[in-house]
Amino acid sequence: MRGRSNCDTCVHYIYDDELGYYVCEVNLDEDEMVKFMQGTFDDCHYYRLDDEYGIVRKQN
């Protein structure tokens, strides 16, 4: 099992019902994909926090 990484809290890391596991929906290049698959992708340029309460805070 992979340790906790940025992917676990990223908005682009989604559960795919057809595949039955989580995938990154960003089109990564070959080097980035290797790092992602090895679990060493800590410096992702596409990372965005999946903060579902962010919109609510902006409405106040």
N, C-alpha and C. Protein backbone atom coordinates (compact mmCIF):
# COMPACT_ATOMS: atom_id res chain seq x y z
N MET A 1 0.85 -1.19 0.00
CA MET A 1 0.00 0.00 0.00
C MET A 1 0.88 1.24 0.00
N ARG A 2 0.49 2.20 -0.74
CA ARG A 2 1.22 3.44 -0.90
C ARG A 2 1.02 4.34 0.30
N GLY A 3 2.08 5.06 0.66
CA GLY A 3 1.96 6.04 1.75
C GLY A 3 1.15 7.24 1.32
N ARG A 4 0.75 8.02 2.27
CA ARG A 4 -0.05 9.20 1.96
C ARG A 4 0.80 10.21 1.20
N SER A 5 0.27 10.74 0.11
CA SER A 5 0.99 11.70 -0.72
C SER A 5 0.06 12.83 -1.11
N ASN A 6 0.56 13.74 -1.88
CA ASN A 6 -0.27 14.84 -2.37
C ASN A 6 -1.46 14.32 -3.18
N CYS A 7 -1.29 13.21 -3.85
CA CYS A 7 -2.36 12.67 -4.68
C CYS A 7 -3.63 12.38 -3.87
N ASP A 8 -3.45 11.94 -2.65
CA ASP A 8 -4.60 11.56 -1.83
C ASP A 8 -5.54 12.73 -1.54
N THR A 9 -5.05 13.95 -1.61
CA THR A 9 -5.89 15.13 -1.34
C THR A 9 -6.05 16.01 -2.57
N CYS A 10 -5.69 15.49 -3.73
CA CYS A 10 -5.73 16.28 -4.98
C CYS A 10 -7.09 16.15 -5.67
N VAL A 11 -7.56 17.23 -6.23
CA VAL A 11 -8.84 17.25 -6.93
C VAL A 11 -8.80 16.39 -8.20
N HIS A 12 -7.61 16.15 -8.75
CA HIS A 12 -7.47 15.37 -9.98
C HIS A 12 -7.38 13.86 -9.73
N TYR A 13 -7.29 13.46 -8.47
CA TYR A 13 -7.16 12.04 -8.11
C TYR A 13 -8.56 11.51 -7.81
N ILE A 14 -9.16 10.84 -8.77
CA ILE A 14 -10.56 10.44 -8.67
C ILE A 14 -10.71 8.92 -8.70
N TYR A 15 -11.81 8.44 -8.14
CA TYR A 15 -12.11 7.02 -8.16
C TYR A 15 -12.82 6.69 -9.46
N ASP A 16 -12.29 5.73 -10.21
CA ASP A 16 -12.88 5.30 -11.47
C ASP A 16 -13.69 4.03 -11.19
N ASP A 17 -15.02 4.12 -11.30
CA ASP A 17 -15.89 2.98 -11.02
C ASP A 17 -15.65 1.80 -11.95
N GLU A 18 -15.35 2.09 -13.22
CA GLU A 18 -15.12 1.02 -14.18
C GLU A 18 -13.85 0.25 -13.88
N LEU A 19 -12.79 0.96 -13.49
CA LEU A 19 -11.52 0.31 -13.19
C LEU A 19 -11.49 -0.25 -11.77
N GLY A 20 -12.21 0.39 -10.86
CA GLY A 20 -12.26 -0.06 -9.48
C GLY A 20 -11.13 0.45 -8.61
N TYR A 21 -10.46 1.52 -9.04
CA TYR A 21 -9.40 2.12 -8.22
C TYR A 21 -9.23 3.59 -8.60
N TYR A 22 -8.42 4.29 -7.80
CA TYR A 22 -8.18 5.72 -8.02
C TYR A 22 -7.20 5.94 -9.16
N VAL A 23 -7.45 6.98 -9.96
CA VAL A 23 -6.57 7.34 -11.06
C VAL A 23 -6.38 8.85 -11.08
N CYS A 24 -5.28 9.27 -11.68
CA CYS A 24 -5.04 10.69 -11.89
C CYS A 24 -5.61 11.05 -13.24
N GLU A 25 -6.50 12.03 -13.28
CA GLU A 25 -7.14 12.38 -14.54
C GLU A 25 -6.35 13.39 -15.37
N VAL A 26 -5.17 13.78 -14.90
CA VAL A 26 -4.29 14.69 -15.65
C VAL A 26 -3.49 13.86 -16.64
N ASN A 27 -3.30 14.38 -17.84
CA ASN A 27 -2.48 13.70 -18.84
C ASN A 27 -1.01 13.93 -18.51
N LEU A 28 -0.41 12.98 -17.79
CA LEU A 28 0.98 13.08 -17.39
C LEU A 28 1.89 12.59 -18.51
N ASP A 29 3.09 13.20 -18.62
CA ASP A 29 4.04 12.69 -19.60
C ASP A 29 4.66 11.40 -19.06
N GLU A 30 5.50 10.76 -19.84
CA GLU A 30 6.03 9.45 -19.47
C GLU A 30 6.83 9.48 -18.16
N ASP A 31 7.68 10.47 -17.97
CA ASP A 31 8.48 10.58 -16.75
C ASP A 31 7.60 10.83 -15.53
N GLU A 32 6.61 11.70 -15.68
CA GLU A 32 5.69 11.99 -14.58
C GLU A 32 4.88 10.76 -14.21
N MET A 33 4.46 10.00 -15.21
CA MET A 33 3.67 8.79 -14.96
C MET A 33 4.48 7.74 -14.20
N VAL A 34 5.76 7.60 -14.54
CA VAL A 34 6.62 6.65 -13.82
C VAL A 34 6.71 7.05 -12.35
N LYS A 35 6.93 8.34 -12.08
CA LYS A 35 6.99 8.82 -10.70
C LYS A 35 5.66 8.59 -9.98
N PHE A 36 4.56 8.85 -10.66
CA PHE A 36 3.23 8.64 -10.09
C PHE A 36 3.02 7.18 -9.72
N MET A 37 3.37 6.27 -10.62
CA MET A 37 3.18 4.84 -10.39
C MET A 37 4.08 4.32 -9.27
N GLN A 38 5.25 4.94 -9.09
CA GLN A 38 6.17 4.52 -8.04
C GLN A 38 5.83 5.16 -6.70
N GLY A 39 4.93 6.13 -6.70
CA GLY A 39 4.55 6.80 -5.46
C GLY A 39 5.55 7.84 -5.01
N THR A 40 6.39 8.32 -5.93
CA THR A 40 7.41 9.31 -5.59
C THR A 40 7.12 10.65 -6.25
N PHE A 41 5.87 10.93 -6.51
CA PHE A 41 5.48 12.14 -7.24
C PHE A 41 5.02 13.21 -6.26
N ASP A 42 5.95 13.70 -5.44
CA ASP A 42 5.62 14.66 -4.40
C ASP A 42 5.63 16.11 -4.87
N ASP A 43 6.24 16.38 -6.01
CA ASP A 43 6.36 17.76 -6.49
C ASP A 43 5.52 17.99 -7.75
N CYS A 44 4.28 17.55 -7.73
CA CYS A 44 3.40 17.63 -8.89
C CYS A 44 3.01 19.07 -9.20
N HIS A 45 3.17 19.46 -10.44
CA HIS A 45 2.81 20.81 -10.87
C HIS A 45 1.31 20.99 -11.06
N TYR A 46 0.59 19.89 -11.12
CA TYR A 46 -0.85 19.93 -11.36
C TYR A 46 -1.67 19.82 -10.07
N TYR A 47 -0.99 19.66 -8.94
CA TYR A 47 -1.68 19.46 -7.67
C TYR A 47 -2.58 20.64 -7.32
N ARG A 48 -3.81 20.32 -6.94
CA ARG A 48 -4.77 21.31 -6.45
C ARG A 48 -5.56 20.66 -5.34
N LEU A 49 -5.57 21.28 -4.18
CA LEU A 49 -6.26 20.73 -3.02
C LEU A 49 -7.74 20.54 -3.31
N ASP A 50 -8.24 19.36 -2.98
CA ASP A 50 -9.66 19.06 -3.14
C ASP A 50 -10.39 19.58 -1.90
N ASP A 51 -10.71 20.86 -1.91
CA ASP A 51 -11.30 21.53 -0.76
C ASP A 51 -12.76 21.84 -1.08
N GLU A 52 -13.64 20.92 -0.70
CA GLU A 52 -15.05 21.09 -1.03
C GLU A 52 -15.71 22.24 -0.27
N TYR A 53 -15.07 22.75 0.78
CA TYR A 53 -15.63 23.87 1.53
C TYR A 53 -15.09 25.22 1.05
N GLY A 54 -14.18 25.22 0.09
CA GLY A 54 -13.60 26.46 -0.43
C GLY A 54 -14.63 27.40 -1.03
N ILE A 55 -15.60 26.87 -1.73
CA ILE A 55 -16.65 27.70 -2.35
C ILE A 55 -17.50 28.36 -1.29
N VAL A 56 -17.81 27.61 -0.24
CA VAL A 56 -18.65 28.15 0.85
C VAL A 56 -17.93 29.32 1.52
N ARG A 57 -16.62 29.20 1.75
CA ARG A 57 -15.88 30.28 2.38
C ARG A 57 -15.87 31.54 1.51
N LYS A 58 -15.84 31.37 0.19
CA LYS A 58 -15.83 32.51 -0.72
C LYS A 58 -17.18 33.23 -0.75
N GLN A 59 -18.24 32.52 -0.43
CA GLN A 59 -19.58 33.12 -0.47
C GLN A 59 -19.83 34.02 0.73
N ASN A 60 -19.08 33.88 1.79
CA ASN A 60 -19.29 34.70 2.99
C ASN A 60 -18.82 36.10 2.81
